[in-house]
Protein backbone atom coordinates (compact mmCIF):
# COMPACT_ATOMS: atom_id res chain seq x y z
CA MET A 1 -14.61 6.10 -24.76
CA THR A 2 -14.49 4.85 -28.40
CA ASP A 3 -15.11 1.45 -29.77
CA ASP A 4 -11.51 1.44 -30.98
CA PHE A 5 -10.23 2.08 -27.55
CA LEU A 6 -12.44 -0.59 -26.04
CA LYS A 7 -11.28 -3.17 -28.53
CA ALA A 8 -7.49 -2.13 -28.06
CA VAL A 9 -7.43 -2.73 -24.32
CA GLY A 10 -10.08 -5.64 -24.24
CA LEU A 11 -12.77 -3.73 -22.40
CA ASP A 12 -16.47 -3.99 -22.46
CA ARG A 13 -17.16 -1.88 -19.36
CA GLU A 14 -16.76 1.61 -17.99
CA GLU A 15 -13.32 3.01 -17.30
CA SER A 16 -11.73 2.96 -13.82
CA PHE A 17 -11.32 6.34 -12.30
CA SER A 18 -11.43 5.97 -8.48
CA ASP A 19 -10.80 3.35 -5.86
CA LYS A 20 -10.07 0.54 -8.36
CA VAL A 21 -7.04 -1.72 -8.90
CA VAL A 22 -6.77 -2.87 -12.46
CA PRO A 23 -4.53 -5.82 -13.49
CA PHE A 24 -2.95 -5.59 -16.88
CA ALA A 25 -0.45 -7.41 -19.27
CA VAL A 26 1.72 -6.34 -22.16
CA GLU A 27 2.45 -9.81 -23.57
CA ASP A 28 4.83 -8.54 -26.40
CA LEU A 29 7.01 -7.14 -23.73
CA ASP A 30 6.68 -9.99 -21.20
CA VAL A 31 5.54 -7.78 -18.41
CA ARG A 32 2.36 -7.77 -16.19
CA GLY A 33 1.25 -5.58 -13.30
CA ARG A 34 -1.41 -3.69 -11.55
CA SER A 35 -2.40 0.03 -11.55
CA VAL A 36 -4.60 1.73 -9.00
CA LYS A 37 -6.35 5.04 -8.57
CA LEU A 38 -7.71 6.00 -5.00
CA ASP A 39 -9.75 8.87 -3.86
CA ASP A 40 -12.73 8.43 -1.36
CA ALA A 41 -10.99 5.39 0.42
CA LEU A 42 -7.74 7.24 0.72
CA ASN A 43 -9.19 10.53 1.71
CA THR A 44 -11.26 8.95 4.51
CA ILE A 45 -8.13 7.29 5.93
CA LEU A 46 -5.78 10.41 5.62
CA THR A 47 -8.37 13.05 6.97
CA ARG A 48 -9.56 10.94 9.91
CA HIS A 49 -6.46 11.71 11.93
CA ASP A 50 -5.80 15.36 10.70
CA TYR A 51 -2.22 14.34 9.71
CA PRO A 52 0.23 17.15 8.79
CA THR A 53 0.49 17.31 4.92
CA PRO A 54 3.94 15.54 4.61
CA VAL A 55 2.89 12.74 6.88
CA ALA A 56 -0.41 12.31 5.10
CA ARG A 57 1.43 12.18 1.71
CA LEU A 58 3.95 9.54 2.92
CA LEU A 59 1.09 7.32 4.45
CA GLY A 60 -0.82 7.83 1.12
CA GLU A 61 2.32 6.38 -0.80
CA ALA A 62 2.41 3.38 1.55
CA ILE A 63 -1.41 2.84 1.09
CA VAL A 64 -0.94 2.78 -2.69
CA LEU A 65 1.99 0.47 -2.40
CA ALA A 66 0.01 -1.91 -0.19
CA ALA A 67 -2.96 -1.77 -2.71
CA VAL A 68 -0.94 -2.81 -5.79
CA VAL A 69 0.96 -5.50 -3.90
CA GLY A 70 -1.60 -6.97 -1.66
CA SER A 71 -4.38 -7.06 -4.33
CA SER A 72 -2.46 -9.97 -5.97
CA LEU A 73 -3.45 -12.27 -3.14
CA LYS A 74 -6.04 -14.92 -4.03
CA PHE A 75 -7.13 -16.07 -0.53
CA GLU A 76 -8.85 -14.75 2.44
CA GLY A 77 -6.39 -13.13 4.85
CA ARG A 78 -4.53 -9.93 5.38
CA PHE A 79 -1.42 -8.27 3.75
CA ILE A 80 0.29 -5.88 6.13
CA LEU A 81 2.82 -3.31 5.10
CA GLN A 82 4.82 -1.79 8.13
CA THR A 83 7.75 0.51 8.51
CA GLN A 84 9.73 1.05 11.70
CA THR A 85 12.38 3.75 11.45
CA ASP A 86 14.30 6.38 13.24
CA GLY A 87 12.91 9.23 11.17
CA PRO A 88 10.25 11.80 12.03
CA VAL A 89 7.64 9.34 10.80
CA ASN A 90 8.88 6.52 12.89
CA MET A 91 5.95 3.97 12.06
CA ILE A 92 3.49 3.27 9.26
CA VAL A 93 1.06 0.46 9.19
CA VAL A 94 -1.13 -0.35 6.22
CA ASP A 95 -3.59 -3.32 6.42
CA LEU A 96 -5.31 -4.87 3.36
CA GLN A 97 -8.00 -7.29 4.37
CA THR A 98 -8.47 -9.37 1.27
CA PRO A 99 -10.06 -8.88 -1.03
CA ASN A 100 -10.38 -5.09 -0.87
CA GLY A 101 -10.52 -3.61 2.60
CA LEU A 102 -7.94 -0.90 3.21
CA ARG A 103 -6.91 0.85 6.60
CA GLY A 104 -3.74 2.52 7.74
CA TYR A 105 -2.17 4.88 10.20
CA ALA A 106 1.17 6.67 10.70
CA ARG A 107 2.97 7.63 13.96
CA PHE A 108 5.23 10.64 13.97
CA ASP A 109 7.35 12.76 16.41
CA GLU A 110 5.83 16.35 16.26
CA VAL A 111 9.23 17.96 17.44
CA ALA A 112 11.27 15.94 14.83
CA LEU A 113 8.85 16.78 12.13
CA SER A 114 8.95 20.51 13.01
CA GLU A 115 12.65 20.48 12.85
CA ALA A 116 12.66 18.67 9.66
CA ALA A 117 10.32 21.23 8.16
CA GLU A 118 12.72 24.03 9.29
CA LYS A 119 15.55 22.39 7.44
CA GLY A 120 13.33 21.62 4.35
CA GLU A 121 13.93 17.92 4.87
CA LEU A 122 10.34 16.79 4.04
CA ALA A 123 11.04 14.27 1.16
CA PRO A 124 9.48 10.72 1.84
CA GLU A 125 12.98 9.18 2.35
CA GLN A 126 13.93 12.01 4.75
CA LEU A 127 10.81 11.47 6.88
CA LEU A 128 11.41 7.76 7.02
CA GLY A 129 15.04 7.79 7.94
CA LYS A 130 16.66 4.46 8.48
CA GLY A 131 15.08 1.19 9.64
CA ILE A 132 13.13 -1.59 8.08
CA LEU A 133 10.05 -2.27 5.86
CA ALA A 134 8.16 -5.52 6.47
CA MET A 135 5.48 -7.06 4.25
CA THR A 136 3.51 -9.83 6.02
CA ILE A 137 0.99 -12.27 4.64
CA ASP A 138 -1.46 -13.74 7.19
CA GLN A 139 -3.94 -16.28 6.11
CA GLY A 140 -5.54 -16.89 9.59
CA GLU A 141 -4.91 -18.66 12.87
CA MET A 142 -4.33 -22.20 11.34
CA THR A 143 -1.67 -21.17 8.91
CA GLU A 144 2.00 -19.81 9.11
CA ARG A 145 2.61 -16.17 8.67
CA TYR A 146 5.00 -15.20 5.98
CA GLN A 147 7.18 -12.11 6.20
CA GLY A 148 9.69 -10.37 4.13
CA ILE A 149 11.89 -7.63 5.51
CA VAL A 150 14.05 -5.12 3.55
CA GLN A 151 16.25 -2.27 4.90
CA LEU A 152 15.13 1.29 4.80
CA ASP A 153 18.35 3.32 4.37
CA GLY A 154 17.25 6.67 3.29
CA ALA A 155 15.48 5.45 0.18
CA SER A 156 11.99 6.24 -1.11
CA LEU A 157 9.16 3.65 -0.84
CA GLU A 158 9.48 3.21 -4.74
CA GLU A 159 13.18 2.35 -4.48
CA VAL A 160 12.59 0.04 -1.52
CA ALA A 161 9.77 -1.79 -3.29
CA HIS A 162 12.31 -2.37 -6.29
CA ARG A 163 14.87 -3.81 -3.87
CA TYR A 164 12.20 -5.97 -2.01
CA PHE A 165 11.25 -7.83 -5.19
CA MET A 166 14.67 -8.29 -6.49
CA GLN A 167 15.82 -9.67 -3.08
CA SER A 168 12.73 -11.76 -2.35
CA GLU A 169 11.56 -12.89 -5.74
CA GLN A 170 14.37 -12.03 -7.99
CA ILE A 171 11.77 -10.58 -10.28
CA PRO A 172 12.74 -7.17 -11.94
CA THR A 173 10.13 -4.75 -10.74
CA ILE A 174 9.38 -1.06 -10.97
CA VAL A 175 6.83 0.83 -8.90
CA ARG A 176 5.50 4.46 -9.39
CA LEU A 177 3.58 6.08 -6.59
CA ALA A 178 2.09 9.62 -6.46
CA VAL A 179 -0.25 11.33 -3.85
CA ALA A 180 -1.78 14.75 -4.22
CA GLN A 181 -4.57 17.07 -2.91
CA TYR A 182 -7.19 18.39 -5.43
CA SER A 183 -9.92 21.03 -5.02
CA GLU A 184 -13.43 19.77 -5.71
CA LYS A 185 -16.54 21.77 -6.27
CA GLY A 186 -18.94 21.73 -3.31
CA LYS A 187 -16.31 20.63 -0.77
CA LYS A 188 -14.62 22.94 1.76
CA GLN A 189 -11.38 21.01 1.96
CA ASP A 190 -9.11 19.69 -0.63
CA GLN A 191 -9.42 16.03 -1.39
CA TRP A 192 -6.52 13.54 -1.27
CA ARG A 193 -6.07 11.31 -4.42
CA ALA A 194 -3.35 8.84 -5.22
CA GLY A 195 -2.25 6.54 -7.98
CA GLY A 196 0.32 3.94 -8.77
CA ILE A 197 1.63 1.26 -11.05
CA LEU A 198 3.48 -1.91 -10.21
CA LEU A 199 5.20 -3.47 -13.33
CA GLN A 200 7.07 -6.76 -13.33
CA HIS A 201 9.10 -8.73 -15.85
CA LEU A 202 7.39 -12.16 -15.98
CA PRO A 203 8.38 -14.02 -19.22
CA GLU A 204 6.41 -17.15 -19.91
CA HIS A 205 9.65 -19.29 -19.72
CA GLY A 206 10.99 -18.13 -16.49
CA ARG A 207 10.39 -16.70 -13.10
CA ARG A 208 7.75 -17.04 -10.42
CA THR A 209 4.62 -15.09 -10.46
CA MET A 210 2.92 -12.77 -8.07
CA ALA A 211 0.83 -15.66 -6.62
CA ASP A 212 4.10 -16.88 -5.14
CA LEU A 213 4.43 -13.92 -2.60
CA PRO A 214 6.00 -13.44 -0.40
CA GLY A 215 9.11 -15.62 -1.08
CA ASP A 216 11.19 -17.37 1.46
CA GLY A 217 11.89 -14.63 3.86
CA ASP A 218 15.60 -14.70 3.53
CA PHE A 219 15.50 -11.47 1.72
CA ASP A 220 19.07 -9.92 2.83
CA ASN A 221 20.99 -13.04 2.16
CA PRO A 222 23.21 -12.39 -0.95
CA GLU A 223 23.50 -16.18 -1.59
CA THR A 224 19.78 -16.30 -2.50
CA GLN A 225 20.05 -13.56 -5.01
CA ASP A 226 20.58 -14.09 -8.74
CA GLU A 227 23.50 -11.69 -9.55
CA THR A 228 24.00 -13.14 -12.99
CA PHE A 229 20.53 -12.22 -14.33
CA GLU A 230 20.36 -9.33 -16.71
CA PRO A 231 16.90 -8.00 -17.77
CA GLU A 232 15.95 -8.64 -21.39
CA ASN A 233 15.53 -5.79 -23.99
CA ASN A 234 11.77 -6.28 -23.38
CA TRP A 235 12.05 -5.23 -19.78
CA VAL A 236 14.26 -2.21 -20.58
CA GLU A 237 11.63 -0.95 -22.94
CA ALA A 238 8.64 -1.57 -20.68
CA SER A 239 10.33 0.03 -17.64
CA SER A 240 11.70 2.94 -19.59
CA LEU A 241 8.19 3.72 -20.77
CA LEU A 242 6.81 3.52 -17.21
CA LYS A 243 9.48 5.93 -15.98
CA THR A 244 8.06 8.63 -18.26
CA VAL A 245 4.78 8.82 -16.28
CA ASP A 246 4.41 12.10 -14.42
CA ASP A 247 2.98 12.25 -11.02
CA HIS A 248 -0.10 14.33 -12.13
CA GLU A 249 -1.02 11.51 -14.68
CA LEU A 250 -1.23 9.08 -11.80
CA VAL A 251 -3.52 11.33 -9.73
CA ASP A 252 -5.44 13.21 -12.32
CA PRO A 253 -9.19 12.48 -11.70
CA GLU A 254 -9.86 12.92 -15.55
CA ILE A 255 -7.44 10.14 -16.56
CA SER A 256 -8.64 6.66 -16.02
CA VAL A 257 -6.37 3.74 -15.23
CA GLU A 258 -7.04 2.10 -18.51
CA ARG A 259 -6.31 5.37 -20.55
CA LEU A 260 -3.01 5.88 -18.68
CA LEU A 261 -1.91 2.31 -19.47
CA PHE A 262 -2.95 2.79 -23.11
CA ARG A 263 -1.03 5.97 -23.48
CA LEU A 264 2.21 4.05 -22.24
CA TYR A 265 1.96 0.76 -24.14
CA HIS A 266 -0.41 1.40 -27.08
CA GLU A 267 2.37 0.76 -29.60
CA THR A 268 2.93 -2.80 -28.19
CA GLY A 269 -0.46 -3.51 -27.10
CA VAL A 270 -1.76 -3.67 -23.44
CA ARG A 271 -4.60 -5.73 -22.20
CA VAL A 272 -6.47 -4.86 -18.93
CA PHE A 273 -8.54 -7.13 -16.83
CA ASP A 274 -11.45 -6.78 -14.56
CA PRO A 275 -11.05 -4.19 -11.85
CA MET A 276 -11.03 -4.78 -8.09
CA GLU A 277 -12.74 -2.27 -5.93
CA MET A 278 -10.87 -0.80 -2.98
CA ILE A 279 -12.73 0.46 0.05
CA GLU A 280 -11.79 1.95 3.44
CA LYS A 281 -12.57 -0.70 6.03
CA CYS A 282 -11.53 -1.25 9.55
CA GLY A 283 -11.63 -4.65 11.21
CA CYS A 284 -12.10 -3.39 14.72
CA ASN A 285 -15.23 -4.28 16.77
CA ALA A 286 -16.27 -4.52 20.45
CA ASP A 287 -16.18 -8.35 20.55
CA LYS A 288 -12.47 -8.52 19.55
CA ILE A 289 -11.56 -5.82 22.04
CA GLU A 290 -13.43 -7.61 24.73
CA ALA A 291 -11.62 -10.80 24.01
CA MET A 292 -8.28 -8.95 24.17
CA LEU A 293 -9.16 -7.19 27.46
CA ASP A 294 -10.31 -10.49 28.98
CA GLN A 295 -6.73 -11.74 28.83
CA PHE A 296 -5.47 -9.07 31.22
CA SER A 297 -5.08 -9.58 35.02
CA ASN A 298 -7.13 -7.68 37.55
CA ASP A 299 -4.24 -5.11 38.25
CA ASP A 300 -3.79 -4.51 34.52
CA ILE A 301 -7.59 -3.85 34.26
CA ASP A 302 -7.47 -1.57 37.27
CA ALA A 303 -4.63 0.37 35.59
CA MET A 304 -6.71 0.98 32.42
CA VAL A 305 -9.67 2.52 34.44
CA VAL A 306 -10.37 6.17 33.95
CA ASP A 307 -13.47 7.90 35.42
CA GLY A 308 -15.03 4.43 36.03
CA ASP A 309 -14.62 2.83 32.73
CA ILE A 310 -12.07 1.50 30.11
CA GLU A 311 -11.84 3.32 26.89
CA VAL A 312 -10.11 1.75 23.87
CA VAL A 313 -9.55 3.90 20.75
CA CYS A 314 -8.74 2.14 17.41
CA GLU A 315 -5.48 3.48 15.99
CA PHE A 316 -6.80 2.96 12.43
CA CYS A 317 -10.35 4.43 12.41
CA SER A 318 -10.30 6.39 15.80
CA THR A 319 -13.55 4.69 16.97
CA ALA A 320 -13.79 4.79 20.70
CA TYR A 321 -15.04 1.74 22.68
CA HIS A 322 -16.07 1.91 26.33
CA PHE A 323 -16.30 -1.12 28.64
CA ASN A 324 -17.21 -1.69 32.29
CA PRO A 325 -14.09 -2.87 34.15
CA HIS A 326 -16.12 -5.22 36.27
CA GLN A 327 -16.87 -7.49 33.45
CA PHE A 328 -13.14 -8.39 33.05
CA ARG A 329 -12.25 -9.05 36.73
CA LYS A 330 -11.32 -12.59 37.59
CA ASP A 331 -12.71 -12.62 41.13
């Protein structure tokens, strides 16, 4: 990296190539956003369950979307992205435990997925089908949960994210997501990589900021939407430039987040801020599961016993926990 490049983007550190979210701003165009590149964290999540390739790619997109949205939160808590649909991939859950712990899983119908493959209907929007996407912010037991819901009606996650922010925050937003597999020297299997950019029009004189997420929850009420707002020329320019990004640029291990942003906005000037590391992290543990099991009745406990013990497998990380059923009996 040259000194001129460092100066241009406000850097005095190494470039961000993997498992980093980088906030940025293009002040001259009144836009701000975050860009992410994921590799080890993403690969661990996707390979743990041996998902079919189309399912893994869709879950990867959801993980990237959760990373660029949830990383804006400035408090301890959880950001949860969840889909419930009638498509072959009928549920996706991605959980970001602030500030940087990612986990996720997908549930799919093997028969429906096989039929979709035979028809060549494996695009993300076809795998999702129709249903809902919910984004939830949970700050803990003593606070109220906030949730925004938007309809999934045959649209991609990118398109749904655009709609979500226009309905919830009335903020013009564009999202780019990409997931791919790369061959790496010394590794037998291809490695999953992903990248994404979230860009928002946030002029100084107007609209709410990302810190105001998640809105009022009334996202499908047309009375709460600003139908008269027309994006300024700055937004048209900024979003048009972002649309020129190719998927391979988002996932290429040789292109850092900073360099990609500089390619897009060097003429107007882009400033990047300190990156946030993303890691694969599951919040499950034996104490939490014991507390959950302790709430069940004796009959429920007896129904869970197999070969003398109770096995609980975490849907996220696949860790298996074993318990003696006698410790939960209420005799």
